[in-house]
């Protein structure tokens, strides 16, 4: 297995976990906070999708489709307290944006050579390859750990 295959596996595994955990949740469920002071799933999902767009586009300009107008602004640190569904995207839009951004991330990865993956990458990862791998294994999965708490609060059985 080469680096591209490992990264694709990581991204695919994270996407499977994300979609599985959200499949039977409603828009209202996505606004439930796992504990006081925690972010709800709607905000986390928008934040992660916008973050994936930002990071990959910064490193590989022109590789990501644009986010819907105003989307990124709905999911900043300053909006994490927002509970009004009228000020947020609904589940269908969030999933559409997630899937579009993830498909573009995978397409951008496919255009990178093995040498490209070793290129230094500023920010939270040392290389471009680590940035791609981190999209699946670090950022998204860190957040979905909180989603399992909400699922249990709602009476759902564990999926994994």
Protein backbone atom coordinates (compact mmCIF):
# COMPACT_ATOMS: atom_id res chain seq x y z
CA UNK A 1 0.00 0.00 0.00
CA UNK A 2 1.44 3.37 -0.97
CA UNK A 3 0.91 6.77 0.67
CA UNK A 4 -1.93 7.72 -1.70
CA UNK A 5 -3.80 4.52 -0.86
CA UNK A 6 -3.33 4.99 2.88
CA UNK A 7 -4.60 8.57 2.69
CA UNK A 8 -7.59 7.54 0.56
CA UNK A 9 -8.40 4.83 3.08
CA UNK A 10 -8.25 7.38 5.92
CA UNK A 11 -10.46 9.86 4.06
CA UNK A 12 -12.90 7.14 3.05
CA UNK A 13 -13.09 5.70 6.56
CA UNK A 14 -13.78 9.13 8.03
CA UNK A 15 -16.48 9.79 5.42
CA UNK A 16 -18.11 6.45 6.27
CA UNK A 17 -18.14 7.29 9.98
CA UNK A 18 -19.52 10.79 9.31
CA UNK A 19 -22.35 9.62 7.06
CA UNK A 20 -23.22 6.63 9.26
CA UNK A 21 -23.49 8.72 12.42
CA UNK A 22 -25.66 11.34 10.70
CA UNK A 23 -27.86 9.10 8.58
CA UNK A 24 -30.78 8.82 11.02
CA UNK A 25 -30.48 12.25 12.66
CA UNK A 26 -32.88 15.09 11.89
CA UNK A 27 -32.14 18.78 11.47
CA UNK A 28 -33.38 19.28 15.05
CA UNK A 29 -31.07 16.50 16.31
CA UNK A 30 -28.11 18.28 14.74
CA UNK A 31 -28.78 21.28 17.00
CA UNK A 32 -28.51 19.28 20.23
CA UNK A 33 -25.38 20.01 22.25
CA UNK A 34 -23.69 17.02 23.93
CA UNK A 35 -23.03 19.11 27.07
CA UNK A 36 -23.21 22.75 28.10
CA UNK A 37 -20.57 24.78 26.29
CA UNK A 38 -20.05 22.15 23.56
CA UNK A 39 -20.76 22.80 19.90
CA UNK A 40 -23.74 21.13 18.27
CA UNK A 41 -23.34 18.77 15.33
CA UNK A 42 -24.67 21.29 12.80
CA UNK A 43 -21.91 23.76 13.65
CA UNK A 44 -19.22 21.07 13.78
CA UNK A 45 -20.25 19.66 10.41
CA UNK A 46 -20.23 23.11 8.77
CA UNK A 47 -16.97 24.01 10.49
CA UNK A 48 -15.24 20.83 9.28
CA UNK A 49 -16.50 21.19 5.70
CA UNK A 50 -15.47 24.85 5.56
CA UNK A 51 -12.13 23.98 7.16
CA UNK A 52 -11.42 21.24 4.63
CA UNK A 53 -12.15 23.71 1.84
CA UNK A 54 -9.90 26.37 3.36
CA UNK A 55 -6.91 24.12 4.04
CA UNK A 56 -6.87 22.22 0.74
CA UNK A 57 -7.55 25.36 -1.30
CA UNK A 58 -4.75 27.21 0.53
CA UNK A 59 -2.25 24.49 -0.34
CA UNK A 60 -3.57 23.68 -3.83
CA UNK A 61 -5.26 26.82 -5.20
CA UNK A 62 -8.10 26.16 -7.61
CA UNK A 63 -8.62 22.59 -6.46
CA UNK A 64 -11.80 23.05 -4.41
CA UNK A 65 -15.30 24.04 -5.53
CA UNK A 66 -16.55 27.25 -3.97
CA UNK A 67 -18.59 27.01 -0.82
CA UNK A 68 -22.17 28.30 -1.05
CA UNK A 69 -22.38 32.06 -0.52
CA UNK A 70 -22.17 32.89 3.20
CA UNK A 71 -21.50 29.28 4.22
CA UNK A 72 -18.07 29.79 5.78
CA UNK A 73 -19.34 32.83 7.69
CA UNK A 74 -22.02 30.68 9.36
CA UNK A 75 -19.36 28.37 10.80
CA UNK A 76 -16.72 30.49 12.51
CA UNK A 77 -15.60 30.51 16.12
CA UNK A 78 -17.84 33.53 16.63
CA UNK A 79 -20.95 31.63 15.45
CA UNK A 80 -20.45 28.46 17.52
CA UNK A 81 -23.08 29.69 20.01
CA UNK A 82 -25.80 30.06 17.34
CA UNK A 83 -28.79 27.74 17.84
CA UNK A 84 -31.21 29.41 15.43
CA UNK A 85 -31.71 27.03 12.47
CA UNK A 86 -32.56 29.99 10.24
CA UNK A 87 -28.96 31.20 10.63
CA UNK A 88 -27.42 27.82 9.75
CA UNK A 89 -27.46 25.39 6.84
CA UNK A 90 -29.84 22.46 7.02
CA UNK A 91 -28.69 18.84 7.05
CA UNK A 92 -29.23 18.36 3.31
CA UNK A 93 -27.02 21.35 2.46
CA UNK A 94 -24.39 20.36 5.01
CA UNK A 95 -24.16 16.86 3.55
CA UNK A 96 -24.06 18.20 -0.01
CA UNK A 97 -21.20 20.55 0.90
CA UNK A 98 -19.36 17.79 2.78
CA UNK A 99 -19.63 15.42 -0.18
CA UNK A 100 -18.58 18.08 -2.71
CA UNK A 101 -15.58 19.14 -0.68
CA UNK A 102 -14.53 15.57 0.06
CA UNK A 103 -14.76 14.62 -3.63
CA UNK A 104 -12.60 17.63 -4.49
CA UNK A 105 -10.10 16.72 -1.76
CA UNK A 106 -9.77 13.23 -3.24
CA UNK A 107 -9.41 14.66 -6.76
CA UNK A 108 -6.70 17.05 -5.53
CA UNK A 109 -4.89 14.15 -3.86
CA UNK A 110 -5.01 12.19 -7.14
CA UNK A 111 -3.20 15.04 -8.90
CA UNK A 112 -0.33 15.00 -6.40
CA UNK A 113 2.80 12.97 -7.01
CA UNK A 114 4.53 11.03 -4.23
CA UNK A 115 7.10 13.84 -4.14
CA UNK A 116 4.33 16.45 -3.77
CA UNK A 117 3.14 14.70 -0.62
CA UNK A 118 6.55 15.33 0.98
CA UNK A 119 6.32 19.09 0.35
CA UNK A 120 6.41 21.14 3.57
CA UNK A 121 3.01 22.47 4.54
CA UNK A 122 2.58 25.41 6.92
CA UNK A 123 0.02 25.25 9.64
CA UNK A 124 -0.96 22.22 11.65
CA UNK A 125 0.77 19.52 9.57
CA UNK A 126 4.41 19.16 8.49
CA UNK A 127 3.78 18.00 4.89
CA UNK A 128 1.11 18.06 2.21
CA UNK A 129 0.64 14.31 2.68
CA UNK A 130 0.07 14.79 6.41
CA UNK A 131 -2.44 17.53 5.62
CA UNK A 132 -4.46 15.15 3.44
CA UNK A 133 -4.22 12.35 6.00
CA UNK A 134 -5.22 14.73 8.78
CA UNK A 135 -8.46 15.62 7.00
CA UNK A 136 -9.72 12.14 7.76
CA UNK A 137 -7.97 10.96 10.86
CA UNK A 138 -7.58 14.15 12.88
CA UNK A 139 -10.07 16.93 12.33
CA UNK A 140 -13.26 15.14 11.33
CA UNK A 141 -12.87 12.19 13.69
CA UNK A 142 -12.03 14.45 16.62
CA UNK A 143 -15.42 16.10 16.17
CA UNK A 144 -17.47 12.97 15.49
CA UNK A 145 -16.52 11.62 18.89
CA UNK A 146 -18.96 14.18 20.30
CA UNK A 147 -21.66 13.05 17.89
CA UNK A 148 -21.76 9.61 19.49
CA UNK A 149 -22.68 11.28 22.79
CA UNK A 150 -25.62 13.05 21.14
CA UNK A 151 -26.69 9.78 19.51
CA UNK A 152 -26.74 8.07 22.91
CA UNK A 153 -28.67 10.99 24.44
CA UNK A 154 -31.25 10.49 21.68
CA UNK A 155 -31.52 6.79 22.50
CA UNK A 156 -29.62 5.51 19.45
CA UNK A 157 -27.57 2.34 19.72
CA UNK A 158 -23.82 2.44 19.10
CA UNK A 159 -22.93 1.96 15.44
CA UNK A 160 -19.28 1.00 15.80
